[in-house]
Structures are given as C-alpha cells and as structure tokens.
C-alpha cells in the first residue's frame, strides 16, 4: 500500500520574506509565529518577513525561523478538511528533525522551540569559538570520501557531515582538515569540490560545545512515544520511542546526517509520496535524485496551501 511521508528542511532553506504570506492568510500560522516571538524573546516575525538577510543568516535566528515556518505549514494543513493531513512517517534534515517530531506528536511546538533555541545558540557559539568550515563534494562514492577524510585528518578534524544524495556529500571540520580533504577529493577525480559559506563546522566534533546545553534542555522536557515513526538522521532508521529519539537528537549534533539512506529506508517501508513542509524545495530535489519514481512536492507558501485547501 502506498504511504505518504512528510519531510522537513534544515538550515540553508531560509529566505527573507519566508512565512509572511502564511501569517497574513492563516490564523493558525499567525498564532504560532506570535507564540514563537514570545518564547524566543526577539522578533522572529520581523526578521523572517523583512530581514535584513545578514540577521536571518545568523544560526541563532535561522534555525528557529525555519523550524517555525515548517511547523506553521503543518498547523495550517491540520485545519483543512478531508485527507490533507494523512501521513504515515516523518523525517527532517538536521534541524528539520525537530519539525518532524512536532508533526508526529513526539513533542509540543513550545518544548521543541525551546530546545531549538538552545541548539541554535550553542551551534553558533561553537562556530565562533572554533573556526571550522564545510565543503560540498560531487561525484565520489561514500566509501571513497570517507577514506579521504580519514587520510586528511592528519591535517585537522574532518568527517563526512551530510550524505545528501548519490554523489552529493558534504564534509565538515577544521579549516585545515577540510581543505586537505578538498585537495585529495580533487586528486581522486571529484566532479565538483566547493567550500560552503557557513558559520561553523556543523555535524562534526567541533560542535561538541553545543551538546551539553541541548542535553540539559532535552532532559527537562517530555519526549513522548509516537505511533508515527520518525526516521532519525543518525541511524536513518524509524524510531517510535521518545527516550531513544532524545539520545539521537544529542548524537545528531556531532554526527553525519544520513539523508540518502533515510529516504531509501522510507521508500523501502512503503513511502511513494513525499511532501516537503517548510521554506524552499531542497529536499524535494534530493529525493528525486535519490529515487526518480517517487512523487515529491514542496509546500511552503500560501498559494501552495490554497491549492490543497
């Protein structure tokens, strides 16, 4: 039987103006955004809707902005009559795992946003304390790039951070480690090697300073079990236990995002329709590259919701 999956984007999907149309058209979205402003203690609405872009690109703002936008889309869908909300499984890319957990009922929006706030601040601070970088590598097999990172680690910390789709992998670590791995990847015939403009070495050991604060915050909230599985970034496998997921969220900060494997496992478990809820359509593109036969659509704007509603 065909199953539907909801997936949620991570950092990098943000854009100035995101969520403004949802806020203006849907009371459910307005209520959520107003609550987010209260919880965060700064005007997320203003930065999301009006910018400036440099403020929105700050990790401490970007993560809550994408999370709130994604959950707002989900909350609007909940108000629709009929089958708009029938879904069987969820996943999210990095930060997006928190949006997925709210959708599946593992945690409340308020609790999740409080954790996301701490996570975003911790990751931004970690990036400022220890300068790191990330690079996209196209056209090399996973095992080849993992070997390259192992070799290059004599120059500095470097590991695979995002296994996004066939032949598209992101590496992360210290500037020296990443640059050494980039040079070796070019030698091995990578189709493209490009350093990314990021504020830190996400999903690498350089993010360790953020772990303790996130763990403390997660320990203070209830993460419930759910009948709807979330496919966790760290394992790419379905999880229904709240306690298991809590530990995986802590591990996720310094571990690679196994996105390709996640999507492949969801498809193996019956998913044939994917909806990306939130800003942009990055995941939609990755899913189509992972498996051409599945349907993937993005829903992030009022006009896209109006077609469904």
Protein backbone atom coordinates (compact mmCIF):
# COMPACT_ATOMS: atom_id res chain seq x y z
CA UNK A 1 0.00 0.00 0.00
CA UNK A 2 1.26 3.44 -0.93
CA UNK A 3 2.32 5.57 2.03
CA UNK A 4 2.83 9.31 2.44
CA UNK A 5 5.85 10.87 4.12
CA UNK A 6 6.23 14.40 5.47
CA UNK A 7 9.79 15.74 5.43
CA UNK A 8 11.15 18.99 6.83
CA UNK A 9 14.12 21.12 5.69
CA UNK A 10 17.17 22.20 7.65
CA UNK A 11 19.49 25.19 7.75
CA UNK A 12 20.13 26.81 4.37
CA UNK A 13 16.48 26.83 3.25
CA UNK A 14 15.79 30.29 4.72
CA UNK A 15 14.96 33.41 2.69
CA UNK A 16 13.81 36.92 3.58
CA UNK A 17 10.01 37.06 3.42
CA UNK A 18 9.54 33.45 4.49
CA UNK A 19 6.26 32.87 6.32
CA UNK A 20 4.83 36.37 5.75
CA UNK A 21 2.09 35.11 3.41
CA UNK A 22 1.20 32.32 5.87
CA UNK A 23 0.99 34.84 8.71
CA UNK A 24 -1.33 37.10 6.69
CA UNK A 25 -3.61 34.36 5.30
CA UNK A 26 -3.93 31.77 8.06
CA UNK A 27 -4.84 32.38 11.75
CA UNK A 28 -3.16 29.08 12.76
CA UNK A 29 0.15 30.33 11.35
CA UNK A 30 -0.24 33.79 12.92
CA UNK A 31 -0.87 32.26 16.34
CA UNK A 32 2.24 30.08 16.04
CA UNK A 33 4.51 32.93 14.93
CA UNK A 34 3.26 35.21 17.71
CA UNK A 35 3.96 32.46 20.23
CA UNK A 36 7.46 31.99 18.78
CA UNK A 37 8.22 35.70 19.30
CA UNK A 38 7.21 35.32 22.97
CA UNK A 39 9.32 32.20 23.56
CA UNK A 40 12.42 33.47 21.77
CA UNK A 41 12.41 36.95 23.27
CA UNK A 42 13.12 38.62 19.94
CA UNK A 43 11.00 39.49 16.87
CA UNK A 44 11.41 36.35 14.75
CA UNK A 45 8.45 37.55 12.67
CA UNK A 46 10.17 40.82 11.77
CA UNK A 47 13.49 39.19 10.79
CA UNK A 48 11.78 36.37 8.86
CA UNK A 49 9.41 38.68 6.99
CA UNK A 50 11.63 41.74 6.45
CA UNK A 51 15.25 40.73 7.06
CA UNK A 52 17.90 42.01 6.86
CA UNK A 53 19.35 38.87 5.29
CA UNK A 54 22.53 39.07 7.42
CA UNK A 55 20.42 38.79 10.58
CA UNK A 56 18.36 35.90 9.18
CA UNK A 57 21.58 34.05 8.26
CA UNK A 58 22.77 34.06 11.89
CA UNK A 59 22.44 30.45 13.09
CA UNK A 60 20.68 31.53 16.30
CA UNK A 61 17.93 33.10 14.11
CA UNK A 62 17.99 30.78 11.09
CA UNK A 63 17.16 27.60 12.98
CA UNK A 64 14.12 28.93 14.89
CA UNK A 65 12.95 30.68 11.69
CA UNK A 66 12.97 27.51 9.57
CA UNK A 67 11.52 25.40 12.38
CA UNK A 68 8.64 27.86 13.00
CA UNK A 69 7.89 28.16 9.27
CA UNK A 70 7.80 24.37 8.85
CA UNK A 71 5.51 23.79 11.83
CA UNK A 72 3.29 26.69 10.69
CA UNK A 73 2.74 24.94 7.34
CA UNK A 74 1.88 21.74 9.23
CA UNK A 75 -0.52 23.58 11.57
CA UNK A 76 -2.33 25.14 8.60
CA UNK A 77 -2.68 21.71 6.99
CA UNK A 78 -4.29 20.46 10.21
CA UNK A 79 -7.12 22.97 9.72
CA UNK A 80 -8.01 21.55 6.29
CA UNK A 81 -10.91 19.15 5.90
CA UNK A 82 -10.51 15.77 4.24
CA UNK A 83 -7.28 13.86 3.73
CA UNK A 84 -4.78 16.73 3.53
CA UNK A 85 -3.08 15.59 6.72
CA UNK A 86 -2.88 11.83 6.31
CA UNK A 87 0.74 10.81 6.62
CA UNK A 88 2.46 7.63 7.72
CA UNK A 89 6.03 8.64 8.55
CA UNK A 90 8.22 11.71 9.01
CA UNK A 91 11.84 12.81 8.74
CA UNK A 92 13.76 16.06 8.75
CA UNK A 93 17.19 17.13 7.57
CA UNK A 94 19.29 18.08 10.62
CA UNK A 95 17.29 20.89 12.30
CA UNK A 96 14.24 19.58 10.37
CA UNK A 97 14.14 16.53 12.64
CA UNK A 98 12.63 18.80 15.33
CA UNK A 99 9.83 19.89 12.97
CA UNK A 100 9.22 16.22 12.14
CA UNK A 101 8.98 15.34 15.84
CA UNK A 102 6.34 18.02 16.44
CA UNK A 103 4.32 16.80 13.44
CA UNK A 104 4.45 13.19 14.67
CA UNK A 105 3.46 14.17 18.22
CA UNK A 106 6.75 13.38 19.98
CA UNK A 107 6.92 16.89 21.46
CA UNK A 108 4.98 20.13 21.63
CA UNK A 109 5.85 23.15 19.49
CA UNK A 110 6.77 25.15 22.60
CA UNK A 111 9.10 22.48 24.01
CA UNK A 112 10.74 21.88 20.64
CA UNK A 113 11.28 25.60 20.02
CA UNK A 114 12.92 25.96 23.43
CA UNK A 115 15.35 23.16 22.51
CA UNK A 116 15.92 24.61 19.02
CA UNK A 117 16.73 28.00 20.60
CA UNK A 118 19.42 26.43 22.82
CA UNK A 119 20.71 24.28 19.92
CA UNK A 120 20.99 27.27 17.58
CA UNK A 121 22.75 29.46 20.14
CA UNK A 122 25.08 26.60 21.10
CA UNK A 123 25.99 25.82 17.50
CA UNK A 124 26.60 29.49 16.69
CA UNK A 125 28.80 29.87 19.77
CA UNK A 126 30.70 26.68 18.93
CA UNK A 127 31.36 28.04 15.43
CA UNK A 128 32.67 31.29 16.88
CA UNK A 129 34.89 29.53 19.45
CA UNK A 130 36.49 27.14 16.96
CA UNK A 131 36.54 28.29 13.37
CA UNK A 132 35.51 25.49 11.08
CA UNK A 133 34.17 25.10 7.60
CA UNK A 134 32.23 22.75 5.31
CA UNK A 135 32.54 21.76 1.65
CA UNK A 136 30.29 20.05 -0.88
CA UNK A 137 31.84 17.21 -2.88
CA UNK A 138 30.13 15.89 -6.00
CA UNK A 139 30.87 12.71 -7.89
CA UNK A 140 32.65 10.50 -5.36
CA UNK A 141 31.34 7.35 -3.68
CA UNK A 142 30.66 7.47 0.05
CA UNK A 143 33.40 4.97 0.98
CA UNK A 144 35.97 6.84 -1.16
CA UNK A 145 35.23 10.16 0.54
CA UNK A 146 35.26 8.56 4.00
CA UNK A 147 38.76 7.21 3.24
CA UNK A 148 39.84 10.66 2.03
CA UNK A 149 38.59 12.24 5.29
CA UNK A 150 40.46 9.62 7.32
CA UNK A 151 43.69 10.42 5.41
CA UNK A 152 43.17 14.19 5.63
CA UNK A 153 42.51 14.09 9.37
CA UNK A 154 46.28 14.22 9.95
CA UNK A 155 45.97 17.89 8.89
CA UNK A 156 42.98 18.59 11.14
CA UNK A 157 39.49 17.40 12.08
CA UNK A 158 37.36 16.44 9.06
CA UNK A 159 34.49 13.99 8.50
CA UNK A 160 31.54 13.43 6.21
CA UNK A 161 28.67 15.53 7.57
CA UNK A 162 25.76 15.13 5.13
CA UNK A 163 25.15 12.14 2.87
CA UNK A 164 22.55 14.01 0.82
CA UNK A 165 22.00 12.07 -2.41
CA UNK A 166 24.01 9.81 -4.75
CA UNK A 167 27.32 11.54 -5.37
CA UNK A 168 26.49 14.59 -3.24
CA UNK A 169 28.22 14.61 0.14
CA UNK A 170 29.18 17.47 2.45
CA UNK A 171 32.31 17.31 4.59
CA UNK A 172 32.88 19.29 7.78
CA UNK A 173 35.64 20.10 10.26
CA UNK A 174 38.57 22.40 10.90
CA UNK A 175 39.66 24.72 8.08
CA UNK A 176 42.94 22.78 7.69
CA UNK A 177 41.26 19.37 7.72
CA UNK A 178 38.53 20.31 5.23
CA UNK A 179 40.99 21.99 2.85
CA UNK A 180 43.27 18.93 2.93
CA UNK A 181 40.28 16.68 2.15
CA UNK A 182 39.17 19.03 -0.66
CA UNK A 183 42.60 18.76 -2.31
CA UNK A 184 42.57 14.94 -2.04
CA UNK A 185 38.99 14.78 -3.41
CA UNK A 186 40.09 16.74 -6.47
CA UNK A 187 43.02 14.35 -6.94
CA UNK A 188 40.60 11.41 -6.79
CA UNK A 189 38.52 12.92 -9.61
CA UNK A 190 35.59 14.57 -7.81
CA UNK A 191 33.30 16.32 -10.30
CA UNK A 192 32.98 19.37 -8.08
CA UNK A 193 34.53 20.46 -4.78
CA UNK A 194 33.19 23.68 -3.28
CA UNK A 195 33.73 25.27 0.12
CA UNK A 196 30.44 26.44 1.64
CA UNK A 197 29.71 29.75 3.31
CA UNK A 198 28.79 28.56 6.81
CA UNK A 199 29.17 29.86 10.35
CA UNK A 200 30.56 26.63 11.74
CA UNK A 201 31.59 23.03 11.12
CA UNK A 202 28.13 21.51 11.63
CA UNK A 203 27.81 17.75 12.24
CA UNK A 204 31.46 17.44 13.24
CA UNK A 205 33.28 17.12 16.60
CA UNK A 206 33.79 20.92 16.56
CA UNK A 207 30.11 21.20 17.58
CA UNK A 208 30.75 19.39 20.90
CA UNK A 209 30.41 22.62 22.96
CA UNK A 210 26.70 22.71 21.99
CA UNK A 211 25.97 19.18 23.21
CA UNK A 212 25.73 19.72 26.97
CA UNK A 213 23.23 22.61 26.80
CA UNK A 214 20.99 20.70 24.36
CA UNK A 215 21.12 17.57 26.54
CA UNK A 216 20.15 19.61 29.61
CA UNK A 217 17.20 21.17 27.77
CA UNK A 218 16.03 17.84 26.36
CA UNK A 219 16.23 16.26 29.83
CA UNK A 220 13.89 18.97 31.12
CA UNK A 221 11.09 18.20 28.64
CA UNK A 222 8.89 15.24 27.82
CA UNK A 223 9.57 13.47 24.55
CA UNK A 224 6.63 11.12 24.07
CA UNK A 225 6.45 7.85 22.17
CA UNK A 226 4.61 8.06 18.85
CA UNK A 227 2.77 5.64 16.58
CA UNK A 228 4.12 7.63 13.59
CA UNK A 229 7.82 6.80 13.14
CA UNK A 230 10.48 9.45 12.68
CA UNK A 231 13.45 8.35 10.60
CA UNK A 232 16.40 9.65 12.61
CA UNK A 233 19.35 11.43 10.96
CA UNK A 234 21.95 9.49 12.94
CA UNK A 235 20.71 5.96 12.11
CA UNK A 236 18.42 6.55 9.09
CA UNK A 237 16.04 4.11 10.81
CA UNK A 238 12.48 4.51 12.11
CA UNK A 239 12.07 5.46 15.77
CA UNK A 240 8.87 5.48 17.83
CA UNK A 241 10.41 5.71 21.32
CA UNK A 242 10.70 9.17 22.81
CA UNK A 243 13.67 8.24 25.01
CA UNK A 244 15.57 6.74 22.07
CA UNK A 245 14.90 9.85 20.00
CA UNK A 246 16.09 12.12 22.80
CA UNK A 247 19.53 10.47 22.74
CA UNK A 248 19.64 10.55 18.93
CA UNK A 249 18.99 14.31 18.95
CA UNK A 250 22.04 14.75 21.19
CA UNK A 251 24.18 12.47 18.98
CA UNK A 252 22.94 14.30 15.87
CA UNK A 253 24.86 17.50 16.71
CA UNK A 254 28.26 15.90 16.03
CA UNK A 255 27.20 13.00 13.75
CA UNK A 256 26.59 12.85 9.99
CA UNK A 257 23.12 13.32 8.51
CA UNK A 258 22.31 10.10 6.63
CA UNK A 259 19.70 11.66 4.35
CA UNK A 260 20.10 9.42 1.30
CA UNK A 261 19.82 6.29 3.44
CA UNK A 262 16.86 7.81 5.33
CA UNK A 263 14.88 8.37 2.13
CA UNK A 264 15.82 4.93 0.78
CA UNK A 265 14.59 3.31 4.01
CA UNK A 266 11.32 5.28 3.91
CA UNK A 267 10.75 4.13 0.32
CA UNK A 268 11.58 0.52 1.29
CA UNK A 269 8.94 0.86 4.04
CA UNK A 270 6.28 1.92 1.51
CA UNK A 271 6.61 5.70 1.04
CA UNK A 272 5.82 6.70 -2.54
CA UNK A 273 4.65 10.30 -1.94
CA UNK A 274 6.81 12.87 -0.14
CA UNK A 275 5.69 16.35 0.93
CA UNK A 276 8.37 18.80 2.00
CA UNK A 277 6.83 21.20 4.51
CA UNK A 278 8.68 24.47 5.09
CA UNK A 279 10.73 27.01 3.17
CA UNK A 280 12.29 26.13 -0.19
CA UNK A 281 12.44 22.84 -2.05
CA UNK A 282 15.94 21.48 -1.34
CA UNK A 283 14.67 18.13 -0.04
CA UNK A 284 12.29 17.71 -2.96
CA UNK A 285 15.29 17.92 -5.30
CA UNK A 286 17.37 15.49 -3.23
CA UNK A 287 14.52 12.95 -3.02
CA UNK A 288 14.08 12.98 -6.80
CA UNK A 289 17.81 12.37 -7.22
CA UNK A 290 17.70 9.51 -4.72
CA UNK A 291 14.72 7.75 -6.38
CA UNK A 292 13.21 9.05 -9.61
CA UNK A 293 9.98 7.03 -9.39
CA UNK A 294 8.56 8.62 -6.21
CA UNK A 295 6.46 11.78 -6.10
CA UNK A 296 7.97 14.71 -4.21
CA UNK A 297 6.31 18.09 -3.75
CA UNK A 298 7.09 21.11 -1.59
CA UNK A 299 4.52 23.10 0.41
CA UNK A 300 5.78 26.29 1.96
CA UNK A 301 3.77 29.19 0.60
CA UNK A 302 0.16 30.28 0.96
CA UNK A 303 -0.51 29.71 -2.76
CA UNK A 304 0.71 26.09 -2.46
CA UNK A 305 -1.53 25.53 0.55
CA UNK A 306 -4.51 27.13 -1.23
CA UNK A 307 -4.25 24.51 -4.00
CA UNK A 308 -4.64 21.80 -1.35
CA UNK A 309 -7.26 23.54 0.77
